[in-house]
Every structure is written in structure tokens, then in C-alpha cells.
Protein backbone atom coordinates (compact mmCIF):
# COMPACT_ATOMS: atom_id res chain seq x y z
CA MET A 1 -14.62 -4.55 64.79
CA PHE A 2 -14.29 -6.29 61.42
CA HIS A 3 -11.36 -8.59 60.82
CA LYS A 4 -8.67 -8.00 58.20
CA PRO A 5 -10.04 -10.44 55.59
CA PHE A 6 -13.38 -8.63 55.75
CA SER A 7 -11.66 -5.27 55.17
CA GLN A 8 -9.70 -6.64 52.22
CA THR A 9 -12.83 -8.03 50.61
CA LEU A 10 -14.68 -4.77 51.09
CA LEU A 11 -11.80 -2.72 49.67
CA VAL A 12 -11.39 -4.94 46.60
CA THR A 13 -15.11 -4.87 45.79
CA ALA A 14 -15.36 -1.12 46.37
CA ALA A 15 -12.26 -0.45 44.26
CA LEU A 16 -13.71 -2.48 41.38
CA ALA A 17 -17.02 -0.59 41.50
CA ILE A 18 -15.37 2.85 41.74
CA SER A 19 -12.87 2.18 38.95
CA SER A 20 -15.69 1.11 36.62
CA LEU A 21 -17.43 4.44 37.15
CA ALA A 22 -14.39 6.32 35.83
CA GLY A 23 -15.28 5.38 32.23
CA CYS A 24 -18.84 6.70 32.43
CA GLN A 25 -19.75 9.95 30.70
CA SER A 26 -21.11 13.00 32.45
CA TYR A 27 -24.18 14.94 31.35
CA GLU A 28 -23.94 18.48 30.02
CA ARG A 29 -27.07 20.41 29.08
CA LYS A 30 -27.15 22.00 25.63
CA HIS A 31 -29.64 24.84 25.19
CA LEU A 32 -31.47 25.83 22.01
CA ASP A 33 -30.45 29.14 20.46
CA GLU A 34 -33.21 30.45 18.20
CA ALA A 35 -31.35 33.65 17.35
CA ALA A 36 -28.22 31.82 16.25
CA ALA A 37 -30.26 29.33 14.17
CA SER A 38 -32.12 32.16 12.43
CA ALA A 39 -28.91 34.08 11.74
CA ALA A 40 -27.24 30.97 10.29
CA TRP A 41 -30.22 30.34 8.01
CA ILE A 42 -30.27 33.92 6.70
CA ALA A 43 -26.50 33.91 6.18
CA ARG A 44 -26.49 30.81 3.97
CA SER A 45 -25.29 31.37 0.43
CA PRO A 46 -24.61 29.18 -2.61
CA SER A 47 -21.14 30.74 -2.58
CA ASP A 48 -20.28 29.17 0.79
CA GLU A 49 -17.00 27.31 0.65
CA SER A 50 -18.60 24.08 1.86
CA VAL A 51 -21.03 24.15 -1.09
CA ARG A 52 -18.29 25.01 -3.57
CA GLN A 53 -16.05 22.16 -2.44
CA PHE A 54 -18.95 19.72 -2.42
CA ALA A 55 -20.04 20.74 -5.94
CA GLU A 56 -16.54 20.22 -7.30
CA ARG A 57 -16.26 16.77 -5.73
CA LEU A 58 -19.74 15.72 -6.81
CA ALA A 59 -19.07 16.76 -10.41
CA PHE A 60 -16.53 13.94 -10.72
CA VAL A 61 -19.13 11.22 -10.07
CA ASP A 62 -22.31 12.79 -11.49
CA GLY A 63 -22.48 13.97 -15.07
CA THR A 64 -25.57 16.15 -14.42
CA VAL A 65 -23.73 18.50 -12.06
CA ALA A 66 -21.99 21.52 -13.58
CA PRO A 67 -18.20 20.92 -13.83
CA VAL A 68 -17.58 24.60 -13.06
CA PHE A 69 -19.49 25.92 -10.06
CA ASP A 70 -19.91 29.70 -10.24
CA PRO A 71 -23.14 31.03 -8.67
CA SER A 72 -21.95 34.64 -8.86
CA ASP A 73 -23.55 35.12 -12.29
CA GLY A 74 -26.78 33.38 -11.30
CA LEU A 75 -27.71 29.88 -10.16
CA THR A 76 -28.51 27.29 -12.83
CA LEU A 77 -30.34 24.06 -12.07
CA SER A 78 -27.16 21.97 -12.22
CA GLU A 79 -25.50 24.40 -9.80
CA ALA A 80 -28.55 24.43 -7.53
CA GLU A 81 -28.53 20.67 -6.93
CA PRO A 82 -25.35 20.68 -4.77
CA VAL A 83 -26.80 23.62 -2.84
CA ALA A 84 -29.94 21.61 -2.07
CA LEU A 85 -27.93 18.55 -1.06
CA VAL A 86 -25.98 20.66 1.43
CA PHE A 87 -28.65 22.98 2.85
CA ASN A 88 -32.01 21.21 2.44
CA ARG A 89 -33.45 20.84 5.93
CA ASN A 90 -34.96 17.39 5.39
CA LEU A 91 -31.63 16.02 4.21
CA ARG A 92 -29.74 17.61 7.08
CA LEU A 93 -32.16 15.99 9.51
CA ALA A 94 -31.99 12.64 7.71
CA ARG A 95 -28.19 12.63 8.01
CA LEU A 96 -28.38 13.22 11.74
CA GLU A 97 -30.93 10.43 12.06
CA ALA A 98 -28.65 8.13 10.07
CA ASN A 99 -25.89 9.01 12.50
CA VAL A 100 -27.96 7.36 15.24
CA THR A 101 -27.67 4.03 13.45
CA ARG A 102 -23.93 4.66 13.06
CA ALA A 103 -23.66 5.04 16.82
CA SER A 104 -25.55 1.77 17.26
CA PHE A 105 -23.27 0.06 14.77
CA ASP A 106 -20.11 1.29 16.49
CA PHE A 107 -21.10 -0.12 19.88
CA ALA A 108 -23.21 -3.13 18.96
CA GLY A 109 -22.11 -6.58 20.06
CA LEU A 110 -20.26 -5.50 23.20
CA TRP A 111 -19.99 -7.89 26.11
CA GLN A 112 -22.25 -7.28 29.06
CA ASP A 113 -20.64 -5.42 31.94
CA PRO A 114 -19.39 -7.61 34.81
CA VAL A 115 -21.53 -7.68 37.93
CA ALA A 116 -19.79 -7.07 41.28
CA GLY A 117 -21.49 -8.50 44.36
CA PHE A 118 -20.88 -8.30 48.09
CA ASP A 119 -22.53 -10.50 50.76
CA LEU A 120 -22.25 -10.07 54.51
CA GLU A 121 -23.60 -12.62 57.02
CA SER A 122 -23.46 -12.56 60.80
CA ILE A 123 -23.49 -15.77 62.83
CA VAL A 124 -25.12 -15.27 66.22
CA GLY A 125 -23.04 -16.82 69.02
CA GLY A 126 -20.70 -19.76 69.34
CA VAL A 127 -17.90 -18.62 67.01
CA VAL A 128 -14.86 -16.43 67.44
CA ASN A 129 -15.42 -14.53 64.15
CA PRO A 130 -19.18 -14.13 63.61
CA TRP A 131 -18.86 -12.45 60.21
CA VAL A 132 -19.03 -14.36 56.91
CA VAL A 133 -17.90 -12.17 54.02
CA ALA A 134 -18.11 -12.96 50.31
CA GLY A 135 -17.21 -10.79 47.27
CA THR A 136 -17.99 -11.94 43.72
CA VAL A 137 -17.55 -10.74 40.16
CA GLY A 138 -19.81 -12.25 37.50
CA ILE A 139 -19.35 -12.19 33.73
CA THR A 140 -21.35 -13.63 30.84
CA LEU A 141 -19.58 -15.58 28.11
CA PRO A 142 -21.43 -15.09 24.78
CA ILE A 143 -21.17 -18.66 23.57
CA SER A 144 -24.49 -18.47 21.69
CA GLY A 145 -23.13 -16.18 18.97
CA ARG A 146 -25.72 -13.57 19.87
CA LEU A 147 -23.22 -10.70 19.95
CA GLU A 148 -22.06 -11.35 16.39
CA ALA A 149 -25.68 -11.41 15.30
CA GLU A 150 -26.35 -8.11 17.11
CA LYS A 151 -23.39 -6.58 15.28
CA ALA A 152 -24.73 -7.86 11.98
CA VAL A 153 -28.17 -6.37 12.65
CA ALA A 154 -26.65 -3.02 13.59
CA GLY A 155 -24.53 -3.09 10.44
CA ALA A 156 -27.55 -3.87 8.29
CA GLU A 157 -29.53 -1.07 9.94
CA TYR A 158 -26.67 1.36 9.37
CA ALA A 159 -26.41 0.33 5.72
CA ASP A 160 -30.18 0.65 5.42
CA ALA A 161 -30.02 4.19 6.82
CA LEU A 162 -27.34 5.14 4.30
CA THR A 163 -29.31 3.61 1.44
CA ALA A 164 -32.47 5.41 2.56
CA LEU A 165 -30.45 8.62 2.75
CA VAL A 166 -29.31 8.21 -0.86
CA ALA A 167 -32.96 7.68 -1.85
CA LYS A 168 -33.97 10.89 -0.03
CA GLU A 169 -31.16 12.81 -1.67
CA TRP A 170 -32.21 11.59 -5.11
CA ALA A 171 -35.87 12.34 -4.41
CA THR A 172 -34.90 15.85 -3.30
CA ARG A 173 -32.92 16.44 -6.48
CA SER A 174 -35.84 15.19 -8.57
CA ALA A 175 -38.30 17.42 -6.69
CA LEU A 176 -35.96 20.36 -7.21
CA ARG A 177 -35.73 19.65 -10.95
CA GLU A 178 -39.49 19.38 -11.33
CA MET A 179 -40.12 22.54 -9.34
CA TRP A 180 -37.39 24.37 -11.28
CA LEU A 181 -39.00 23.46 -14.61
CA ASP A 182 -42.44 24.46 -13.33
CA TRP A 183 -41.03 27.81 -12.20
CA SER A 184 -39.16 28.26 -15.49
CA ALA A 185 -42.33 27.66 -17.49
CA GLN A 186 -44.25 30.07 -15.29
CA THR A 187 -41.54 32.69 -15.75
CA ILE A 188 -41.90 32.32 -19.52
CA ARG A 189 -45.69 32.55 -19.24
CA ALA A 190 -45.34 35.77 -17.25
CA ALA A 191 -43.01 37.22 -19.90
CA LEU A 192 -45.42 36.22 -22.67
CA ALA A 193 -48.29 37.83 -20.75
CA GLU A 194 -46.32 41.07 -20.42
CA GLU A 195 -45.46 40.96 -24.13
CA MET A 196 -49.14 40.43 -24.91
CA VAL A 197 -50.12 43.47 -22.81
CA ILE A 198 -47.59 45.69 -24.60
CA ARG A 199 -49.01 44.76 -28.00
CA LEU A 200 -52.59 45.09 -26.76
CA ARG A 201 -51.94 48.59 -25.55
CA ASP A 202 -50.86 49.57 -29.06
CA VAL A 203 -53.89 48.01 -30.72
CA THR A 204 -56.21 49.49 -28.06
CA LYS A 205 -54.85 52.96 -28.87
CA LEU A 206 -55.45 52.23 -32.55
CA ALA A 207 -59.04 51.23 -31.81
CA LYS A 208 -59.53 54.38 -29.76
CA TRP A 209 -58.30 56.55 -32.63
CA GLN A 210 -60.63 54.80 -35.06
CA GLU A 211 -63.51 55.28 -32.63
CA GLU A 212 -62.76 58.99 -32.48
CA ALA A 213 -62.55 59.05 -36.28
CA GLY A 214 -65.87 57.25 -36.53
CA SER A 215 -64.46 54.08 -38.10
CA LEU A 216 -65.38 51.98 -35.04
CA SER A 217 -68.37 52.14 -32.76
CA ARG A 218 -67.98 52.64 -29.06
CA ILE A 219 -69.07 49.04 -28.41
CA GLU A 220 -66.46 47.70 -30.85
CA ALA A 221 -63.71 49.84 -29.32
CA ARG A 222 -64.67 48.65 -25.84
CA VAL A 223 -63.79 45.07 -26.85
CA PHE A 224 -60.15 46.08 -26.94
CA ALA A 225 -60.28 47.85 -23.57
CA VAL A 226 -61.87 44.81 -21.93
CA GLU A 227 -59.28 42.49 -23.49
CA LEU A 228 -56.44 44.72 -22.28
CA ALA A 229 -57.81 44.90 -18.73
CA GLY A 230 -58.13 41.11 -18.59
CA ARG A 231 -54.62 40.56 -19.90
CA GLU A 232 -53.18 43.03 -17.37
CA ALA A 233 -54.82 41.00 -14.63
CA ASP A 234 -53.27 37.86 -16.17
CA VAL A 235 -49.84 39.48 -15.86
CA THR A 236 -50.38 40.11 -12.16
CA ILE A 237 -51.50 36.52 -11.62
CA ALA A 238 -48.61 35.07 -13.65
CA VAL A 239 -45.97 37.15 -11.88
CA ALA A 240 -47.42 36.28 -8.46
CA ARG A 241 -47.39 32.57 -9.31
CA ALA A 242 -43.80 32.77 -10.55
CA THR A 243 -42.77 34.52 -7.33
CA GLU A 244 -44.49 31.87 -5.25
CA LEU A 245 -42.76 29.06 -7.13
CA GLU A 246 -39.40 30.80 -6.67
CA LEU A 247 -40.01 30.91 -2.92
CA HIS A 248 -40.74 27.18 -3.02
CA LEU A 249 -37.44 26.67 -4.83
CA ARG A 250 -35.57 28.64 -2.20
CA ASP A 251 -37.24 26.49 0.44
CA ILE A 252 -36.03 23.28 -1.23
CA LEU A 253 -32.57 24.81 -1.54
CA GLY A 254 -32.55 25.61 2.18
CA LEU A 255 -32.08 29.33 1.52
CA ALA A 256 -33.91 32.21 3.16
CA PRO A 257 -36.53 34.01 1.02
CA GLU A 258 -34.40 37.16 1.06
CA ALA A 259 -31.13 35.40 0.18
CA PRO A 260 -29.34 37.43 -2.55
CA VAL A 261 -29.30 34.82 -5.29
CA GLN A 262 -30.60 34.97 -8.85
CA LEU A 263 -32.16 31.82 -10.29
CA ILE A 264 -31.77 31.15 -14.00
CA PRO A 265 -34.70 29.46 -15.78
CA LEU A 266 -34.23 26.25 -17.74
CA ALA A 267 -36.28 25.82 -20.91
CA ILE A 268 -36.07 22.04 -21.41
CA PHE A 269 -34.71 18.97 -19.59
CA LYS A 270 -33.58 15.90 -21.50
CA PRO A 271 -33.61 12.38 -20.01
CA ARG A 272 -30.78 9.89 -20.27
CA ASP A 273 -30.27 8.34 -23.66
CA ILE A 274 -31.54 4.83 -22.92
CA ALA A 275 -33.60 2.68 -25.26
CA PRO A 276 -37.19 2.21 -24.00
CA ALA A 277 -36.72 -1.57 -24.00
CA ASP A 278 -33.84 -1.26 -21.52
CA LEU A 279 -35.54 1.13 -19.09
CA ARG A 280 -36.94 -1.53 -16.74
CA ALA A 281 -33.59 -3.26 -16.41
CA GLU A 282 -31.94 0.08 -15.67
CA MET A 283 -34.60 0.86 -13.10
CA THR A 284 -34.19 -2.53 -11.39
CA GLU A 285 -30.47 -1.95 -11.12
CA GLY A 286 -30.35 1.68 -10.06
CA ASN A 287 -33.68 2.85 -8.59
CA ALA A 288 -32.97 4.41 -5.19
CA GLU A 289 -36.36 3.53 -3.66
CA LEU A 290 -36.01 -0.10 -4.71
CA ALA A 291 -32.51 -0.19 -3.24
CA ALA A 292 -33.92 1.12 0.06
CA VAL A 293 -36.53 -1.64 0.38
CA ARG A 294 -33.92 -4.20 -0.66
CA SER A 295 -31.70 -2.93 2.14
CA ALA A 296 -34.64 -3.06 4.58
CA TYR A 297 -35.08 -6.72 3.67
CA GLU A 298 -31.47 -7.37 4.69
CA VAL A 299 -32.28 -5.86 8.09
CA ALA A 300 -35.21 -8.26 8.43
CA GLU A 301 -32.94 -11.21 7.52
CA GLU A 302 -30.31 -10.27 10.09
CA SER A 303 -32.98 -9.60 12.72
CA LEU A 304 -34.40 -13.09 12.25
CA GLN A 305 -30.95 -14.58 12.61
CA LEU A 306 -30.49 -12.64 15.86
CA GLU A 307 -33.80 -13.88 17.28
CA ILE A 308 -32.79 -17.46 16.43
CA LYS A 309 -29.45 -16.93 18.20
CA LYS A 310 -31.33 -15.74 21.27
CA GLN A 311 -32.80 -19.23 21.63
CA TYR A 312 -29.40 -20.50 22.72
CA PRO A 313 -28.12 -19.67 26.21
CA ASP A 314 -25.01 -17.75 27.20
CA LEU A 315 -22.84 -18.99 30.05
CA ALA A 316 -22.70 -16.85 33.20
CA ILE A 317 -19.57 -17.30 35.37
CA GLY A 318 -19.17 -15.83 38.84
CA SER A 319 -15.99 -15.95 40.90
CA GLY A 320 -14.98 -14.30 44.13
CA TYR A 321 -13.58 -14.45 47.63
CA LEU A 322 -15.15 -15.98 50.76
CA ASN A 323 -14.16 -15.44 54.40
CA ASP A 324 -15.80 -17.92 56.76
CA ASN A 325 -13.44 -18.43 59.70
CA GLY A 326 -10.82 -18.75 57.01
CA SER A 327 -10.70 -17.87 53.36
CA GLY A 328 -11.60 -19.47 50.07
CA VAL A 329 -12.42 -18.95 46.41
CA LEU A 330 -15.97 -18.96 45.03
CA VAL A 331 -16.80 -20.19 41.53
CA GLY A 332 -20.34 -20.29 40.15
CA LEU A 333 -21.73 -21.32 36.75
CA SER A 334 -25.16 -20.49 35.37
CA LEU A 335 -26.64 -21.72 32.09
CA PRO A 336 -30.32 -21.17 31.21
CA VAL A 337 -32.10 -24.22 29.81
CA PRO A 338 -34.08 -23.45 26.62
CA LEU A 339 -37.00 -25.69 27.52
CA TRP A 340 -40.29 -23.73 27.39
CA ASN A 341 -39.72 -20.18 26.15
CA ARG A 342 -36.96 -20.64 23.56
CA ASN A 343 -37.69 -17.09 22.34
CA GLN A 344 -40.53 -18.47 20.24
CA GLN A 345 -42.32 -15.11 20.20
CA GLY A 346 -39.25 -13.23 18.97
CA VAL A 347 -38.55 -15.79 16.24
CA ALA A 348 -42.17 -15.79 15.07
CA GLU A 349 -42.34 -11.99 14.91
CA ALA A 350 -39.02 -11.74 13.07
CA THR A 351 -40.15 -14.39 10.57
CA ALA A 352 -43.38 -12.50 9.94
CA ASN A 353 -41.45 -9.21 9.56
CA ARG A 354 -39.20 -10.84 6.98
CA GLU A 355 -42.23 -11.82 4.94
CA VAL A 356 -43.54 -8.26 5.19
CA ALA A 357 -40.16 -6.96 3.98
CA ARG A 358 -40.21 -9.42 1.09
CA ALA A 359 -43.73 -8.36 0.11
CA ARG A 360 -42.77 -4.69 0.40
CA PHE A 361 -39.90 -5.26 -2.03
CA GLU A 362 -42.11 -7.10 -4.50
CA THR A 363 -44.96 -4.57 -4.35
CA THR A 364 -42.53 -1.66 -4.60
CA PHE A 365 -41.04 -3.18 -7.74
CA GLU A 366 -44.50 -3.61 -9.25
CA HIS A 367 -45.43 -0.03 -8.39
CA LEU A 368 -42.20 1.39 -9.81
CA ALA A 369 -42.50 -0.65 -13.01
CA SER A 370 -46.02 0.72 -13.51
CA ARG A 371 -44.85 4.26 -12.82
CA LEU A 372 -42.05 3.79 -15.33
CA ALA A 373 -44.50 2.79 -18.07
CA ILE A 374 -46.72 5.77 -17.25
CA ALA A 375 -43.78 8.18 -17.15
CA LEU A 376 -42.51 6.95 -20.51
CA THR A 377 -45.95 7.35 -22.07
CA ARG A 378 -46.31 10.89 -20.73
CA TYR A 379 -42.83 11.85 -21.85
CA GLN A 380 -43.33 10.53 -25.37
CA ALA A 381 -46.73 12.21 -25.63
CA GLY A 382 -45.30 15.51 -24.41
CA GLN A 383 -42.42 15.17 -26.83
CA ALA A 384 -44.83 14.65 -29.75
CA VAL A 385 -47.06 17.57 -28.74
CA ARG A 386 -44.10 19.89 -28.29
CA ALA A 387 -42.68 18.93 -31.70
CA ALA A 388 -46.04 19.56 -33.39
CA LEU A 389 -46.42 22.96 -31.75
CA GLU A 390 -42.82 23.94 -32.40
CA HIS A 391 -42.75 22.93 -36.05
CA ARG A 392 -46.32 23.63 -37.18
CA VAL A 393 -48.56 25.69 -34.87
CA VAL A 394 -46.12 28.38 -33.73
CA PRO A 395 -44.66 28.98 -37.24
CA LEU A 396 -48.21 29.35 -38.62
CA ALA A 397 -49.12 31.83 -35.88
CA ASP A 398 -45.90 33.76 -36.51
CA GLU A 399 -46.61 33.78 -40.24
CA GLN A 400 -50.14 35.07 -39.66
CA ASP A 401 -48.86 37.85 -37.40
CA ALA A 402 -46.22 38.83 -39.95
CA GLU A 403 -48.83 38.92 -42.73
CA VAL A 404 -51.12 41.15 -40.66
CA ARG A 405 -48.21 43.50 -40.01
CA ARG A 406 -47.48 43.70 -43.75
CA VAL A 407 -51.12 44.48 -44.52
CA ALA A 408 -51.18 47.15 -41.80
CA ALA A 409 -48.00 48.67 -43.22
CA MET A 410 -49.80 49.05 -46.54
CA GLY A 411 -52.47 51.17 -44.84
CA ARG A 412 -55.22 48.55 -44.48
CA VAL A 413 -55.38 48.65 -40.66
CA ASP A 414 -58.02 46.34 -39.14
CA PRO A 415 -57.81 46.33 -35.30
CA PHE A 416 -59.87 43.14 -35.04
CA LEU A 417 -57.58 41.32 -37.47
CA ILE A 418 -54.55 42.50 -35.48
CA LEU A 419 -56.19 41.38 -32.22
CA THR A 420 -56.95 37.94 -33.65
CA ALA A 421 -53.34 37.53 -34.82
CA ILE A 422 -51.95 38.63 -31.45
CA GLN A 423 -54.24 36.25 -29.57
CA ALA A 424 -53.39 33.33 -31.85
CA GLN A 425 -49.65 33.92 -31.58
CA HIS A 426 -49.83 34.31 -27.80
CA ALA A 427 -51.91 31.14 -27.40
CA ALA A 428 -49.50 29.16 -29.56
CA LYS A 429 -46.48 30.28 -27.53
CA VAL A 430 -48.23 29.50 -24.23
CA ARG A 431 -49.18 26.05 -25.51
CA LEU A 432 -45.60 25.45 -26.60
CA THR A 433 -44.37 26.51 -23.15
CA ASP A 434 -46.84 24.15 -21.48
CA ALA A 435 -45.94 21.24 -23.78
CA THR A 436 -42.22 21.80 -23.20
CA ALA A 437 -42.80 21.79 -19.44
CA VAL A 438 -44.81 18.56 -19.67
CA GLU A 439 -42.08 16.90 -21.73
CA SER A 440 -39.31 18.11 -19.41
CA ILE A 441 -41.10 17.05 -16.22
CA GLY A 442 -41.73 13.67 -17.84
CA ALA A 443 -37.98 13.42 -18.48
CA VAL A 444 -37.28 14.26 -14.83
CA ARG A 445 -39.65 11.55 -13.66
CA LEU A 446 -38.03 9.04 -15.97
CA ASP A 447 -34.60 9.89 -14.54
CA GLU A 448 -35.97 9.71 -11.01
CA LEU A 449 -37.22 6.17 -11.61
CA LEU A 450 -33.92 5.13 -13.19
CA GLY A 451 -32.07 6.27 -10.06
CA PRO A 452 -28.87 8.22 -9.45
CA LEU A 453 -25.86 7.75 -11.66
CA MET A 454 -23.65 7.00 -8.65
CA LEU A 455 -23.92 4.05 -6.29
CA LEU A 456 -23.90 4.38 -2.52
CA GLN A 457 -20.28 3.23 -2.34
CA ASP A 458 -19.29 6.05 -4.71
CA THR A 459 -21.05 8.86 -2.86
CA ILE A 460 -18.62 11.70 -2.19
CA LEU A 461 -19.71 13.88 0.72
CA PRO A 462 -17.52 16.01 2.97
CA ASP A 463 -17.50 15.09 6.66
CA ALA A 464 -18.87 18.53 7.54
CA ILE A 465 -21.95 17.79 5.47
CA LEU A 466 -22.42 14.09 6.13
CA PRO A 467 -20.75 13.12 9.43
CA ILE A 468 -21.33 9.41 8.83
CA PRO A 469 -18.10 7.60 7.93
CA LYS A 470 -18.47 4.21 6.34
CA PRO A 471 -17.73 1.13 8.47
CA ASP A 472 -14.36 -0.55 7.99
CA HIS A 473 -16.11 -3.68 6.80
CA PRO A 474 -19.47 -2.70 5.30
CA PRO A 475 -22.14 -5.38 5.75
CA GLU A 476 -23.76 -7.03 2.77
CA GLY A 477 -26.80 -4.80 3.22
CA ASN A 478 -24.65 -1.82 2.23
CA LYS A 479 -24.70 -2.89 -1.39
CA LEU A 480 -27.30 -1.60 -3.80
């Protein structure tokens, strides 16, 4: 039979352990639902209220987004960008991954849970009460400053995740713009190919009539039939390529292939009006990728500070109750002595990682500056080629075609001359389409390197889209 002090000690220790369990969470299994996921994907629409609200809010901070969002009459590129930011699968996944760092930030730097202990000793013979009972509760006092450093690391990692998310969003918008321009150019090429076939059918009929009249030989007339057959095949290829590119666009937008939405082509994209001499400074200030590696460097800095804090010990205090033919209070102190280990490995690794982060920032800057020079050269070259085609080559081809038509109207019909004029005009228009696409894609790449118009602190995203609220006191790493 245990004595009363033993029972009290046991009850107090048990009550402490049981009460601590009340704050623990319980596990609930969550099953995957393929049918529901497929139905939600198919049901997505640019007209969804979440997209509409997001587009309206984003228009206030980004001049490239359409101020009036109305996808009912077709989706323009500026209207498609908010759709991609909401529905793109890679961005949705990236936001959930960033939410993991938010969870770490919210609960970083917490004190270690107290440790409840219970000791029972039996003395064999010679005493009235043979049981020695002791109950203890131990806590660790974070005198090293480690917890504050852990909080700082978690804050830097959270800020880094948000900065990386902004970079992914901007890269997605740039990829959408480039793909949209590629699809637009291919749509124009397909239309030009169809226009070419219509005109070739007329001239092929003319050649057939002249063959029947004896003005052309069968071999000469066959030239037109072969040309027509080849151009009809070109139409099939051009239309198929345009359809494929449209499916890629729908994939970037996060829409199902069969989603009832009409995409509106864009002929040309203009970059921001910035002097070439100022481009590098603008890139250094606003490039999203550079901001991400800068933020990653802040994580490395805070991580090194944490490893240095781990060199210093925290004080462990244990107190409790002892019953040994009486009663008493137990007090114990524990303080590790940083003599041999001193977390030298952790400090050395964190120092090396900081140097890697520094080198990654420097090499990323070098790479981006080189890409900027290349992008500017390509854009300027495309601009010059497009201007030459638009102002010289295409007008000459149009003039030649008009002259051939006038000659034909006067009764001097030469099928070969008409064919040559049609081919020249078609080639000029295709070259102009290609040059315009090259210039526009160069403009997109310039804008991509310059970075988004809005900073991370100015990002406006609804909670339903980005469930990552900002911390009350953002760490320094949260600044671009």
C-alpha cells in the first residue's frame, strides 16, 4: 500500500502529462478525389468571379493588365495574364509550397516543451516507509538567443519563398506572352496560306483554260497544279501548328482544352519606354530572378547566425517533489560546456553555404546582364528588319501585284506572271509576320529581364488565390 505523499506525487505528475495531451491535434485522413479534380478543371472559366475580382485588383498596380476585364467577347493577352496567375498549375503548387514556409515562420522560435519525470525507488528492509518517490518537471531557458535566430531564419525563408513566388509568377506571364505572340504569328501565317490557296485556285483554273485553248502546254499547266497542291498542304500544316500552340496556351492558362473561350491574336508587343543606357540599372533594381537569389542570400546569412548561436548553451532547470520518509523540493541545473564540439561543423557548413549564395548572386547578375545585352540586340535587329519589310518590301510586292492585275484587266493575261506576283506578295507578308514576331518576342524578353512593375510588398492577391498572409513584421529578406 503506497502512502499518501506517493499518491499525491503520482497524481500531480499524471495530471500534468494528461493535460499537456489536450492541446495535441488528432489525425484525419483526407482521400484523393480524381473525379472532383477533373470536374473542377473542366469547369474553370476566365469568367469565374475569382478571376474577375483578381483582374480588377491587379489592374491598379500593373499597367499591362486590361483596366476592364471582359472575356465574354474573347480573351486578349492582357486579360489572359490574370487568368494564368489564378489557374496555372505550377503557380498554384508554388503557393502551397510557400505556405509550408509560412507555417514554419508562424511556429519558429517556440520554447521546448517541459519534460515531466517520475522516479520510484524501493528500499529493502530497515525502514517504515520503503518507497522513495520523486516527481520532476524540467524546462530549458533559451539564454543563448538561439530561438530568436531560429525565428529570423524562418522569416528569411518565408520571405525567400514569397520572392521566389513573384519570380515564378513573372516568368509565367513572360512565357504566356511569348507563346501568345508565337501563336498569333502562326494564326496569321495560316490565314495568309489560305489566302494564297484561294488565289492559286483562280490562276490554276486560268492555266487550265489556256491549256485547253492551246496557249499553254500540259507541262506548263501542271506547274500550277503542283504549286496549288503544295500550298494546300501548307495550309493543313499551318492550321495544325496554330491549333497545337493554342492548346499550349490553354495549358499555361490552366484551362481544359475544350474550355469555351476564344483567344484573340496580338500582332505586336512593345517593350517599356526605357533608354538603352538605363536598362541595366532597371534590371538590377527590378529583375525578379535577381531578387530571388538576393533573398536566398539573406537566408544564408540568417542561417549562419543561427549556427553561431548554437555554439552557446541553454540552461536546463528541473524542479520537483521528493518523498523520502518525509518530503522535500528538488532543484536541478544543467548547462552544457562548449569545450570540444562548439557546433564547429554547423558553423563551417553555414559559412560555406553563405559563400555559395554570394557567388550565386554574382553569377546570376552576370548571366542576366549578358542576356539583357543579347535581348536588346535581337529586339533592335528585329525592329529594323520589320521596318524595312513594312516600308519597302511589302509595298513593292503589293505594287507588283496591283500592276499585274491592271495588265490582266487589259486582256494581257500571263498565268506565270500572276503566279510570280502572288508568290512574291505572299513571301513578303510571311517575312513581315516573322519579323514582327521576332521583334515582339524580343520586347517580351526585355520586359522579362527588367522585372515586374510591382514590388513584392505591393502584390495584390486575394486570400482564396494566395493563402499566404504577410507576417506582421516582415524580415529584411522580404525586401526586393
